[in-house]
Every structure is written in structure tokens, then in C-alpha cells.
Amino acid sequence: MEAQLFCCEGDLSAVRRAYRDSNLLTDRVLNALLRAEDKYLPAPNYFKCVQSEIAPYMRRIVATWILEVCEEQKCEEEVFPLAINYLDRFLSVEPTRKNHLQLLGAACMFLASKLRETIPLTAERLCIYTDNSVTPSQLLQMEVLVLNKLKWDLASVTPLDFIDYFMSHLSVRRENKAILRKHAQTFVALCATDVKFIASPPSMVAAGSIMAAVEGLQMKLAGNVLMLQKLTKQLAQTIRSDPDCLKACREQIETLLETSLGQAQQHHSVTVEIKNAGEGQGLSTTPTDVRDINI
């Protein structure tokens, strides 16, 4: 009689996540990341030198879509910046038609998920997120093309690789660390959607995100108000950068946040106005004016 063994600790339906490895917070790992990060930077001017059909705003739309899919699927936080790195590196070397951009984004997310997720996203699920405009066969073909153009080198360095190291060296109260890291992670994701940060080293984006998060939350360091100038000098020394460059990066991130919040508020206002107008006139708020659909 065959016996079956089951591990029944906790919820079987929950995805198992690995604990953070403290061995990755050493100076040796930091030095290795700093040496490798330039290798995985995309070309900063690929829109002019390589791409003829794709514009920066198209890249932003696809990046936002990738972020929304990752959030809805509760992917590991590293999946999104890794997918964007693949996207930019591919566009740096391969002219791409604009009607293939979403297919490329799905393939990059597919690869990043395989590399970082315990249970990767499936091709079929990703195709659903494209409103089935992409078939699983097309996605798999694009996956092979991306792998070929990236020379199968997928171990990219992203800003999130630096965040935990920076956090471990900040004298921030324990109860504030989680919220500080969450805000810094949000800034990293925001930077990934903006073309201004395409050629910025991941260490610079990570340090600038930490600074923007600390200033925004007005964190306290060892009981005293954290002086931004001191933090700038500390992080600049850690990533071997000029403090003025790091300060400029932080200011650029804060400007990006203000712009994004303004656009989101404007979009919300327009949506509310359209909805109110539709309710007042008895009109549908859908673009095609379709009502009473039974599925």
C-alpha cells in the first residue's frame, strides 16, 4: 500500500515565499552589485537611434499595464522592475513595431515571473490580460526572441536589490522600517514607468527613493530628526556617487510623484464628471454607449 506524505503547515493554498537572506546584506554583495549594474543598463537614446515607431508615451502605457498586472496577480515585488529592464534592453537593440509592444511587455513579464516567482504566471493568463489580442503561441515565440536578443542573460540588477542593504544601515526605528521600505518600493516602481530614469543606475534610483521616502514620511533617526543632507552624504558614499547627483535624483523623483498625483487627481475628476453627466441625462458612460448587456 502506497503512503502519501503531505506538508500541512499553514494554508495549503498560500504561495510559499522565501525569507529574506541576511547574507545578502554584506558589503561583498553590495560591491558585486555595483560592479554589475552598468552591464544591464539599456541605451538611454534608443527612442531616437533604434526605434522608429515607438514613442516614450507608448512605453509608459505598457509599463503601467505591466505594473497593474503584477499588482493584480500579487507577483513578487522584483518581477515588475525586472520586466521593465528586459523591455528597455530589448528595445535598445531591436527595432519593434508599435503593435507588438504589448506582446513584448507580456513576454518580458513572463520571463521575469519565471525568474522570481514561486509559481510563475502562465502564458494563458497573460494572454487574457491582453484581451486575447495575443495568443500563447505568439507569446512563446516572442519569449524566445527576447532571450536571444538579451543573450540569455536575465540576472539583471534592479533598484530593489539595493533597498534592503540601505535599510539595514539606516538607524530607523523598527516600527518605521516596514512603512519606509514600502514607500521606497513605490518610488522605485514609479521611476520604472518614467523614461527619464531609463539610464539611471539602479543604485542611484534606490538611494534616491530611500531619500524621498524618508523626507516624505519625516522619519526620525535615533531619536533626532533625520537630516537629509547627512543621509545624502551617507548614501552617496555607499554607492560611490556625487552627493549633488544623488540630490538631483531625489528631487526628480519627488517631481515625478507630484506630477503623477496631479494626473491621477485630474483623471478622477474627469471620471466623476462623466459619471454624473451620464446619470443626469440617462446616458451610458461606456465609450460605445452599450447598456443592459446580459452575459
C-alpha atoms as a PDB file:
ATOM      1  CA  MET A   1       0.000   0.000   0.000  1.00  0.00           C
ATOM      2  CA  GLU A   2       1.442   3.343  -1.065  1.00  0.00           C
ATOM      3  CA  ALA A   3       1.710   6.066   1.507  1.00  0.00           C
ATOM      4  CA  GLN A   4       1.385   9.732   0.661  1.00  0.00           C
ATOM      5  CA  LEU A   5       3.104  12.405   2.693  1.00  0.00           C
ATOM      6  CA  PHE A   6       1.699  15.902   2.918  1.00  0.00           C
ATOM      7  CA  CYS A   7       3.141  19.006   4.477  1.00  0.00           C
ATOM      8  CA  CYS A   8       0.104  20.578   6.102  1.00  0.00           C
ATOM      9  CA  GLU A   9       1.672  23.503   7.899  1.00  0.00           C
ATOM     10  CA  GLY A  10      -0.408  26.618   7.417  1.00  0.00           C
ATOM     11  CA  ASP A  11      -2.691  27.312   4.468  1.00  0.00           C
ATOM     12  CA  LEU A  12      -2.034  24.953   1.563  1.00  0.00           C
ATOM     13  CA  SER A  13      -3.458  27.457  -0.897  1.00  0.00           C
ATOM     14  CA  ALA A  14      -0.991  30.165   0.088  1.00  0.00           C
ATOM     15  CA  VAL A  15       2.099  30.737  -2.043  1.00  0.00           C
ATOM     16  CA  ARG A  16       5.272  29.991  -0.122  1.00  0.00           C
ATOM     17  CA  ARG A  17       7.684  32.928  -0.010  1.00  0.00           C
ATOM     18  CA  ALA A  18      11.338  32.685   0.892  1.00  0.00           C
ATOM     19  CA  TYR A  19      12.636  34.540   3.925  1.00  0.00           C
ATOM     20  CA  ARG A  20      14.985  37.440   3.296  1.00  0.00           C
ATOM     21  CA  ASP A  21      18.576  36.234   3.466  1.00  0.00           C
ATOM     22  CA  SER A  22      20.707  38.345   5.806  1.00  0.00           C
ATOM     23  CA  ASN A  23      23.807  37.121   3.954  1.00  0.00           C
ATOM     24  CA  LEU A  24      22.756  39.329   1.037  1.00  0.00           C
ATOM     25  CA  LEU A  25      23.220  42.457   3.174  1.00  0.00           C
ATOM     26  CA  THR A  26      27.022  42.277   3.280  1.00  0.00           C
ATOM     27  CA  ASP A  27      29.473  44.712   1.722  1.00  0.00           C
ATOM     28  CA  ARG A  28      30.740  41.933  -0.531  1.00  0.00           C
ATOM     29  CA  VAL A  29      27.299  41.568  -2.145  1.00  0.00           C
ATOM     30  CA  LEU A  30      26.948  45.345  -2.442  1.00  0.00           C
ATOM     31  CA  ASN A  31      30.291  45.623  -4.232  1.00  0.00           C
ATOM     32  CA  ALA A  32      29.291  42.848  -6.624  1.00  0.00           C
ATOM     33  CA  LEU A  33      26.013  44.638  -7.416  1.00  0.00           C
ATOM     34  CA  LEU A  34      27.778  47.948  -8.024  1.00  0.00           C
ATOM     35  CA  ARG A  35      30.242  46.278 -10.391  1.00  0.00           C
ATOM     36  CA  ALA A  36      27.483  44.537 -12.337  1.00  0.00           C
ATOM     37  CA  GLU A  37      24.773  47.207 -12.588  1.00  0.00           C
ATOM     38  CA  ASP A  38      26.229  49.115 -15.554  1.00  0.00           C
ATOM     39  CA  LYS A  39      26.262  45.911 -17.591  1.00  0.00           C
ATOM     40  CA  TYR A  40      22.470  45.732 -17.545  1.00  0.00           C
ATOM     41  CA  LEU A  41      21.687  49.369 -18.310  1.00  0.00           C
ATOM     42  CA  PRO A  42      19.708  49.948 -21.536  1.00  0.00           C
ATOM     43  CA  ALA A  43      20.741  52.532 -24.104  1.00  0.00           C
ATOM     44  CA  PRO A  44      19.440  55.954 -22.969  1.00  0.00           C
ATOM     45  CA  ASN A  45      18.669  57.156 -26.508  1.00  0.00           C
ATOM     46  CA  TYR A  46      17.079  54.083 -28.074  1.00  0.00           C
ATOM     47  CA  PHE A  47      13.926  56.012 -28.992  1.00  0.00           C
ATOM     48  CA  LYS A  48      15.978  58.104 -31.447  1.00  0.00           C
ATOM     49  CA  CYS A  49      18.672  55.667 -32.521  1.00  0.00           C
ATOM     50  CA  VAL A  50      16.842  52.335 -32.682  1.00  0.00           C
ATOM     51  CA  GLN A  51      13.063  52.760 -32.593  1.00  0.00           C
ATOM     52  CA  SER A  52      11.154  54.496 -35.382  1.00  0.00           C
ATOM     53  CA  GLU A  53       7.558  53.657 -34.423  1.00  0.00           C
ATOM     54  CA  ILE A  54       7.679  53.575 -30.620  1.00  0.00           C
ATOM     55  CA  ALA A  55       7.469  56.813 -28.632  1.00  0.00           C
ATOM     56  CA  PRO A  56       8.149  57.388 -24.908  1.00  0.00           C
ATOM     57  CA  TYR A  57       4.447  57.691 -24.080  1.00  0.00           C
ATOM     58  CA  MET A  58       3.820  54.236 -25.559  1.00  0.00           C
ATOM     59  CA  ARG A  59       6.491  52.785 -23.328  1.00  0.00           C
ATOM     60  CA  ARG A  60       4.845  54.458 -20.305  1.00  0.00           C
ATOM     61  CA  ILE A  61       1.453  52.963 -21.193  1.00  0.00           C
ATOM     62  CA  VAL A  62       2.887  49.448 -21.474  1.00  0.00           C
ATOM     63  CA  ALA A  63       4.923  49.865 -18.268  1.00  0.00           C
ATOM     64  CA  THR A  64       1.788  50.959 -16.394  1.00  0.00           C
ATOM     65  CA  TRP A  65      -0.089  47.954 -17.776  1.00  0.00           C
ATOM     66  CA  ILE A  66       2.688  45.595 -16.625  1.00  0.00           C
ATOM     67  CA  LEU A  67       2.579  47.165 -13.167  1.00  0.00           C
ATOM     68  CA  GLU A  68      -1.192  46.725 -12.931  1.00  0.00           C
ATOM     69  CA  VAL A  69      -0.961  43.066 -13.943  1.00  0.00           C
ATOM     70  CA  CYS A  70       1.811  42.419 -11.412  1.00  0.00           C
ATOM     71  CA  GLU A  71      -0.205  44.069  -8.652  1.00  0.00           C
ATOM     72  CA  GLU A  72      -3.419  42.232  -9.505  1.00  0.00           C
ATOM     73  CA  GLN A  73      -1.602  38.892  -9.653  1.00  0.00           C
ATOM     74  CA  LYS A  74       0.259  39.715  -6.407  1.00  0.00           C
ATOM     75  CA  CYS A  75       3.598  38.982  -8.007  1.00  0.00           C
ATOM     76  CA  GLU A  76       6.874  39.206  -6.135  1.00  0.00           C
ATOM     77  CA  GLU A  77       7.925  42.842  -5.945  1.00  0.00           C
ATOM     78  CA  GLU A  78      11.044  42.159  -8.049  1.00  0.00           C
ATOM     79  CA  VAL A  79       9.029  40.986 -11.072  1.00  0.00           C
ATOM     80  CA  PHE A  80       7.957  44.439 -12.253  1.00  0.00           C
ATOM     81  CA  PRO A  81      11.342  46.254 -12.309  1.00  0.00           C
ATOM     82  CA  LEU A  82      12.956  43.154 -13.795  1.00  0.00           C
ATOM     83  CA  ALA A  83      10.364  43.017 -16.594  1.00  0.00           C
ATOM     84  CA  ILE A  84      10.926  46.705 -17.350  1.00  0.00           C
ATOM     85  CA  ASN A  85      14.681  46.119 -17.510  1.00  0.00           C
ATOM     86  CA  TYR A  86      14.149  43.366 -20.086  1.00  0.00           C
ATOM     87  CA  LEU A  87      11.789  45.617 -22.035  1.00  0.00           C
ATOM     88  CA  ASP A  88      14.258  48.516 -22.231  1.00  0.00           C
ATOM     89  CA  ARG A  89      17.243  46.300 -23.028  1.00  0.00           C
ATOM     90  CA  PHE A  90      15.322  44.641 -25.854  1.00  0.00           C
ATOM     91  CA  LEU A  91      14.190  47.988 -27.288  1.00  0.00           C
ATOM     92  CA  SER A  92      17.801  49.164 -27.123  1.00  0.00           C
ATOM     93  CA  VAL A  93      18.884  46.604 -29.707  1.00  0.00           C
ATOM     94  CA  GLU A  94      15.831  45.522 -31.700  1.00  0.00           C
ATOM     95  CA  PRO A  95      13.527  47.791 -33.787  1.00  0.00           C
ATOM     96  CA  THR A  96       9.968  46.929 -32.789  1.00  0.00           C
ATOM     97  CA  ARG A  97       6.612  47.724 -34.328  1.00  0.00           C
ATOM     98  CA  LYS A  98       4.227  49.592 -32.077  1.00  0.00           C
ATOM     99  CA  ASN A  99       1.521  46.954 -32.445  1.00  0.00           C
ATOM    100  CA  HIS A 100       3.965  44.413 -30.970  1.00  0.00           C
ATOM    101  CA  LEU A 101       4.787  46.468 -27.886  1.00  0.00           C
ATOM    102  CA  GLN A 102       2.188  44.873 -25.611  1.00  0.00           C
ATOM    103  CA  LEU A 103       3.283  41.434 -26.815  1.00  0.00           C
ATOM    104  CA  LEU A 104       6.852  42.366 -25.904  1.00  0.00           C
ATOM    105  CA  GLY A 105       5.738  43.622 -22.485  1.00  0.00           C
ATOM    106  CA  ALA A 106       3.871  40.374 -21.826  1.00  0.00           C
ATOM    107  CA  ALA A 107       6.921  38.317 -22.829  1.00  0.00           C
ATOM    108  CA  CYS A 108       9.200  40.339 -20.535  1.00  0.00           C
ATOM    109  CA  MET A 109       6.756  39.898 -17.659  1.00  0.00           C
ATOM    110  CA  PHE A 110       6.557  36.179 -18.467  1.00  0.00           C
ATOM    111  CA  LEU A 111      10.344  35.833 -18.196  1.00  0.00           C
ATOM    112  CA  ALA A 112      10.637  37.955 -15.038  1.00  0.00           C
ATOM    113  CA  SER A 113       7.903  35.910 -13.407  1.00  0.00           C
ATOM    114  CA  LYS A 114       9.716  32.669 -14.226  1.00  0.00           C
ATOM    115  CA  LEU A 115      12.901  34.017 -12.691  1.00  0.00           C
ATOM    116  CA  ARG A 116      11.408  35.463  -9.489  1.00  0.00           C
ATOM    117  CA  GLU A 117       8.088  33.782  -8.753  1.00  0.00           C
ATOM    118  CA  THR A 118       7.472  30.615  -6.789  1.00  0.00           C
ATOM    119  CA  ILE A 119       4.518  29.924  -9.097  1.00  0.00           C
ATOM    120  CA  PRO A 120       5.156  31.816 -12.379  1.00  0.00           C
ATOM    121  CA  LEU A 121       2.429  33.437 -14.434  1.00  0.00           C
ATOM    122  CA  THR A 122       1.152  31.226 -17.226  1.00  0.00           C
ATOM    123  CA  ALA A 123       1.107  32.174 -20.887  1.00  0.00           C
ATOM    124  CA  GLU A 124      -2.649  31.665 -20.998  1.00  0.00           C
ATOM    125  CA  ARG A 125      -3.256  34.035 -18.089  1.00  0.00           C
ATOM    126  CA  LEU A 126      -1.058  36.739 -19.590  1.00  0.00           C
ATOM    127  CA  CYS A 127      -2.914  36.450 -22.895  1.00  0.00           C
ATOM    128  CA  ILE A 128      -6.178  37.089 -21.070  1.00  0.00           C
ATOM    129  CA  TYR A 129      -4.728  40.357 -19.769  1.00  0.00           C
ATOM    130  CA  THR A 130      -4.152  41.446 -23.367  1.00  0.00           C
ATOM    131  CA  ASP A 131      -7.872  40.948 -24.056  1.00  0.00           C
ATOM    132  CA  ASN A 132      -6.769  37.883 -26.037  1.00  0.00           C
ATOM    133  CA  SER A 133      -5.136  40.077 -28.667  1.00  0.00           C
ATOM    134  CA  VAL A 134      -2.067  37.876 -28.125  1.00  0.00           C
ATOM    135  CA  THR A 135      -2.090  34.089 -28.430  1.00  0.00           C
ATOM    136  CA  PRO A 136       0.009  31.756 -26.253  1.00  0.00           C
ATOM    137  CA  SER A 137       1.918  30.702 -29.372  1.00  0.00           C
ATOM    138  CA  GLN A 138       2.830  34.307 -30.184  1.00  0.00           C
ATOM    139  CA  LEU A 139       3.878  34.893 -26.577  1.00  0.00           C
ATOM    140  CA  LEU A 140       6.180  31.873 -26.582  1.00  0.00           C
ATOM    141  CA  GLN A 141       7.729  32.968 -29.879  1.00  0.00           C
ATOM    142  CA  MET A 142       8.366  36.453 -28.512  1.00  0.00           C
ATOM    143  CA  GLU A 143       9.845  34.919 -25.359  1.00  0.00           C
ATOM    144  CA  VAL A 144      12.457  33.097 -27.446  1.00  0.00           C
ATOM    145  CA  LEU A 145      13.231  36.292 -29.381  1.00  0.00           C
ATOM    146  CA  VAL A 146      13.720  38.291 -26.172  1.00  0.00           C
ATOM    147  CA  LEU A 147      16.003  35.593 -24.769  1.00  0.00           C
ATOM    148  CA  ASN A 148      18.026  35.651 -27.961  1.00  0.00           C
ATOM    149  CA  LYS A 149      18.418  39.444 -28.015  1.00  0.00           C
ATOM    150  CA  LEU A 150      19.327  39.539 -24.311  1.00  0.00           C
ATOM    151  CA  LYS A 151      21.795  36.677 -24.908  1.00  0.00           C
ATOM    152  CA  TRP A 152      20.029  34.652 -22.217  1.00  0.00           C
ATOM    153  CA  ASP A 153      21.457  36.945 -19.543  1.00  0.00           C
ATOM    154  CA  LEU A 154      18.460  37.584 -17.291  1.00  0.00           C
ATOM    155  CA  ALA A 155      20.168  38.132 -13.935  1.00  0.00           C
ATOM    156  CA  SER A 156      19.727  41.896 -14.141  1.00  0.00           C
ATOM    157  CA  VAL A 157      20.422  44.248 -11.267  1.00  0.00           C
ATOM    158  CA  THR A 158      17.396  46.336 -10.246  1.00  0.00           C
ATOM    159  CA  PRO A 159      16.926  49.100  -7.637  1.00  0.00           C
ATOM    160  CA  LEU A 160      15.185  46.667  -5.288  1.00  0.00           C
ATOM    161  CA  ASP A 161      18.435  44.715  -4.984  1.00  0.00           C
ATOM    162  CA  PHE A 162      19.865  47.693  -3.071  1.00  0.00           C
ATOM    163  CA  ILE A 163      16.877  48.664  -0.930  1.00  0.00           C
ATOM    164  CA  ASP A 164      17.349  46.087   1.836  1.00  0.00           C
ATOM    165  CA  TYR A 165      21.049  46.872   2.135  1.00  0.00           C
ATOM    166  CA  PHE A 166      20.314  50.579   2.564  1.00  0.00           C
ATOM    167  CA  MET A 167      17.565  49.843   5.064  1.00  0.00           C
ATOM    168  CA  SER A 168      19.857  47.658   7.169  1.00  0.00           C
ATOM    169  CA  HIS A 169      22.341  50.525   7.531  1.00  0.00           C
ATOM    170  CA  LEU A 170      19.822  53.211   8.488  1.00  0.00           C
ATOM    171  CA  SER A 171      19.191  53.891  12.173  1.00  0.00           C
ATOM    172  CA  VAL A 172      15.447  53.933  11.683  1.00  0.00           C
ATOM    173  CA  ARG A 173      13.122  52.762  14.411  1.00  0.00           C
ATOM    174  CA  ARG A 174      11.963  49.219  13.875  1.00  0.00           C
ATOM    175  CA  GLU A 175       8.288  50.129  13.733  1.00  0.00           C
ATOM    176  CA  ASN A 176       9.010  52.593  10.914  1.00  0.00           C
ATOM    177  CA  LYS A 177      11.132  50.311   8.743  1.00  0.00           C
ATOM    178  CA  ALA A 178       8.247  48.489   7.086  1.00  0.00           C
ATOM    179  CA  ILE A 179       6.426  51.645   6.028  1.00  0.00           C
ATOM    180  CA  LEU A 180       9.675  53.282   4.915  1.00  0.00           C
ATOM    181  CA  ARG A 181      10.545  50.306   2.746  1.00  0.00           C
ATOM    182  CA  LYS A 182       7.028  50.243   1.280  1.00  0.00           C
ATOM    183  CA  HIS A 183       7.250  53.899   0.261  1.00  0.00           C
ATOM    184  CA  ALA A 184      10.722  53.425  -1.207  1.00  0.00           C
ATOM    185  CA  GLN A 185       9.452  50.440  -3.187  1.00  0.00           C
ATOM    186  CA  THR A 186       6.607  52.580  -4.525  1.00  0.00           C
ATOM    187  CA  PHE A 187       9.083  55.220  -5.693  1.00  0.00           C
ATOM    188  CA  VAL A 188      11.152  52.539  -7.432  1.00  0.00           C
ATOM    189  CA  ALA A 189       8.067  51.334  -9.317  1.00  0.00           C
ATOM    190  CA  LEU A 190       7.156  54.905 -10.225  1.00  0.00           C
ATOM    191  CA  CYS A 191      10.634  55.514 -11.642  1.00  0.00           C
ATOM    192  CA  ALA A 192      10.380  52.341 -13.724  1.00  0.00           C
ATOM    193  CA  THR A 193       7.358  53.754 -15.563  1.00  0.00           C
ATOM    194  CA  ASP A 194       9.117  57.021 -16.486  1.00  0.00           C
ATOM    195  CA  VAL A 195      11.572  57.308 -19.378  1.00  0.00           C
ATOM    196  CA  LYS A 196      13.703  59.867 -17.517  1.00  0.00           C
ATOM    197  CA  PHE A 197      15.135  57.077 -15.368  1.00  0.00           C
ATOM    198  CA  ILE A 198      15.906  54.589 -18.163  1.00  0.00           C
ATOM    199  CA  ALA A 199      19.671  55.141 -17.994  1.00  0.00           C
ATOM    200  CA  SER A 200      19.872  55.851 -14.256  1.00  0.00           C
ATOM    201  CA  PRO A 201      21.941  53.258 -12.357  1.00  0.00           C
ATOM    202  CA  PRO A 202      19.746  51.077 -10.134  1.00  0.00           C
ATOM    203  CA  SER A 203      21.811  52.049  -7.077  1.00  0.00           C
ATOM    204  CA  MET A 204      21.092  55.726  -7.747  1.00  0.00           C
ATOM    205  CA  VAL A 205      17.352  55.119  -8.154  1.00  0.00           C
ATOM    206  CA  ALA A 206      17.288  53.036  -4.958  1.00  0.00           C
ATOM    207  CA  ALA A 207      19.175  55.645  -2.938  1.00  0.00           C
ATOM    208  CA  GLY A 208      17.035  58.483  -4.320  1.00  0.00           C
ATOM    209  CA  SER A 209      13.871  56.516  -3.498  1.00  0.00           C
ATOM    210  CA  ILE A 210      15.022  55.949   0.080  1.00  0.00           C
ATOM    211  CA  MET A 211      15.752  59.656   0.483  1.00  0.00           C
ATOM    212  CA  ALA A 212      12.406  60.689  -0.997  1.00  0.00           C
ATOM    213  CA  ALA A 213      10.602  58.239   1.287  1.00  0.00           C
ATOM    214  CA  VAL A 214      12.436  59.445   4.391  1.00  0.00           C
ATOM    215  CA  GLU A 215      11.759  63.096   3.616  1.00  0.00           C
ATOM    216  CA  GLY A 216       8.124  62.449   2.767  1.00  0.00           C
ATOM    217  CA  LEU A 217       7.473  60.469   5.925  1.00  0.00           C
ATOM    218  CA  GLN A 218       9.617  62.747   8.114  1.00  0.00           C
ATOM    219  CA  MET A 219      11.191  59.741   9.764  1.00  0.00           C
ATOM    220  CA  LYS A 220      13.267  60.063  12.918  1.00  0.00           C
ATOM    221  CA  LEU A 221      16.764  58.709  13.188  1.00  0.00           C
ATOM    222  CA  ALA A 222      17.987  57.632  16.647  1.00  0.00           C
ATOM    223  CA  GLY A 223      15.501  59.979  18.274  1.00  0.00           C
ATOM    224  CA  ASN A 224      16.540  63.038  16.233  1.00  0.00           C
ATOM    225  CA  VAL A 225      15.050  64.470  13.070  1.00  0.00           C
ATOM    226  CA  LEU A 226      16.877  62.869  10.157  1.00  0.00           C
ATOM    227  CA  MET A 227      18.974  65.462   8.351  1.00  0.00           C
ATOM    228  CA  LEU A 228      18.548  64.914   4.637  1.00  0.00           C
ATOM    229  CA  GLN A 229      21.993  66.298   3.942  1.00  0.00           C
ATOM    230  CA  LYS A 230      23.594  63.693   6.204  1.00  0.00           C
ATOM    231  CA  LEU A 231      21.595  60.913   4.588  1.00  0.00           C
ATOM    232  CA  THR A 232      22.578  62.138   1.132  1.00  0.00           C
ATOM    233  CA  LYS A 233      26.243  62.063   2.040  1.00  0.00           C
ATOM    234  CA  GLN A 234      25.942  58.613   3.601  1.00  0.00           C
ATOM    235  CA  LEU A 235      24.155  57.034   0.645  1.00  0.00           C
ATOM    236  CA  ALA A 236      26.335  58.796  -1.918  1.00  0.00           C
ATOM    237  CA  GLN A 237      29.402  57.372  -0.237  1.00  0.00           C
ATOM    238  CA  THR A 238      27.813  53.915  -0.199  1.00  0.00           C
ATOM    239  CA  ILE A 239      27.058  53.883  -3.940  1.00  0.00           C
ATOM    240  CA  ARG A 240      30.240  55.822  -4.802  1.00  0.00           C
ATOM    241  CA  SER A 241      28.405  58.736  -6.323  1.00  0.00           C
ATOM    242  CA  ASP A 242      28.486  62.513  -6.050  1.00  0.00           C
ATOM    243  CA  PRO A 243      26.084  63.866  -3.383  1.00  0.00           C
ATOM    244  CA  ASP A 244      24.828  66.549  -5.775  1.00  0.00           C
ATOM    245  CA  CYS A 245      23.891  63.895  -8.359  1.00  0.00           C
ATOM    246  CA  LEU A 246      22.037  61.922  -5.725  1.00  0.00           C
ATOM    247  CA  LYS A 247      20.243  65.041  -4.530  1.00  0.00           C
ATOM    248  CA  ALA A 248      19.190  65.822  -8.105  1.00  0.00           C
ATOM    249  CA  CYS A 249      17.872  62.260  -8.485  1.00  0.00           C
ATOM    250  CA  ARG A 250      15.831  62.581  -5.296  1.00  0.00           C
ATOM    251  CA  GLU A 251      14.360  65.914  -6.448  1.00  0.00           C
ATOM    252  CA  GLN A 252      13.483  64.377  -9.808  1.00  0.00           C
ATOM    253  CA  ILE A 253      11.677  61.526  -8.069  1.00  0.00           C
ATOM    254  CA  GLU A 254       9.704  63.976  -5.936  1.00  0.00           C
ATOM    255  CA  THR A 255       8.755  65.972  -9.041  1.00  0.00           C
ATOM    256  CA  LEU A 256       7.631  62.773 -10.744  1.00  0.00           C
ATOM    257  CA  LEU A 257       5.466  61.940  -7.736  1.00  0.00           C
ATOM    258  CA  GLU A 258       3.812  65.364  -7.773  1.00  0.00           C
ATOM    259  CA  THR A 259       3.126  65.074 -11.491  1.00  0.00           C
ATOM    260  CA  SER A 260       1.676  61.575 -11.117  1.00  0.00           C
ATOM    261  CA  LEU A 261      -0.568  62.618  -8.233  1.00  0.00           C
ATOM    262  CA  GLY A 262      -1.788  65.605 -10.230  1.00  0.00           C
ATOM    263  CA  GLN A 263      -2.589  63.443 -13.248  1.00  0.00           C
ATOM    264  CA  ALA A 264      -4.370  60.881 -11.086  1.00  0.00           C
ATOM    265  CA  GLN A 265      -6.483  63.582  -9.434  1.00  0.00           C
ATOM    266  CA  GLN A 266      -7.343  65.105 -12.801  1.00  0.00           C
ATOM    267  CA  HIS A 267      -8.297  61.701 -14.203  1.00  0.00           C
ATOM    268  CA  HIS A 268     -10.501  61.036 -11.160  1.00  0.00           C
ATOM    269  CA  SER A 269     -12.252  64.404 -11.567  1.00  0.00           C
ATOM    270  CA  VAL A 270     -12.950  63.772 -15.251  1.00  0.00           C
ATOM    271  CA  THR A 271     -14.295  60.285 -14.470  1.00  0.00           C
ATOM    272  CA  VAL A 272     -16.640  61.671 -11.810  1.00  0.00           C
ATOM    273  CA  GLU A 273     -17.888  64.405 -14.172  1.00  0.00           C
ATOM    274  CA  ILE A 274     -18.604  61.899 -16.922  1.00  0.00           C
ATOM    275  CA  LYS A 275     -20.381  59.611 -14.481  1.00  0.00           C
ATOM    276  CA  ASN A 276     -22.518  62.453 -13.094  1.00  0.00           C
ATOM    277  CA  ALA A 277     -23.369  63.635 -16.589  1.00  0.00           C
ATOM    278  CA  GLY A 278     -24.407  60.144 -17.569  1.00  0.00           C
ATOM    279  CA  GLU A 279     -26.601  59.767 -14.506  1.00  0.00           C
ATOM    280  CA  GLY A 280     -28.217  63.146 -15.048  1.00  0.00           C
ATOM    281  CA  GLN A 281     -29.021  62.527 -18.711  1.00  0.00           C
ATOM    282  CA  GLY A 282     -29.732  58.823 -18.516  1.00  0.00           C
ATOM    283  CA  LEU A 283     -26.780  58.040 -20.762  1.00  0.00           C
ATOM    284  CA  SER A 284     -24.303  55.208 -20.566  1.00  0.00           C
ATOM    285  CA  THR A 285     -20.784  56.143 -19.503  1.00  0.00           C
ATOM    286  CA  THR A 286     -19.270  53.428 -21.681  1.00  0.00           C
ATOM    287  CA  PRO A 287     -17.458  54.631 -24.826  1.00  0.00           C
ATOM    288  CA  THR A 288     -19.730  52.594 -27.089  1.00  0.00           C
ATOM    289  CA  ASP A 289     -22.932  53.577 -25.297  1.00  0.00           C
ATOM    290  CA  VAL A 290     -23.808  49.952 -24.644  1.00  0.00           C
ATOM    291  CA  ARG A 291     -26.271  49.284 -21.835  1.00  0.00           C
ATOM    292  CA  ASP A 292     -28.162  46.335 -20.347  1.00  0.00           C
ATOM    293  CA  ILE A 293     -25.734  43.692 -21.537  1.00  0.00           C
ATOM    294  CA  ASN A 294     -26.563  40.164 -20.441  1.00  0.00           C
ATOM    295  CA  ILE A 295     -23.641  37.710 -20.379  1.00  0.00           C
END
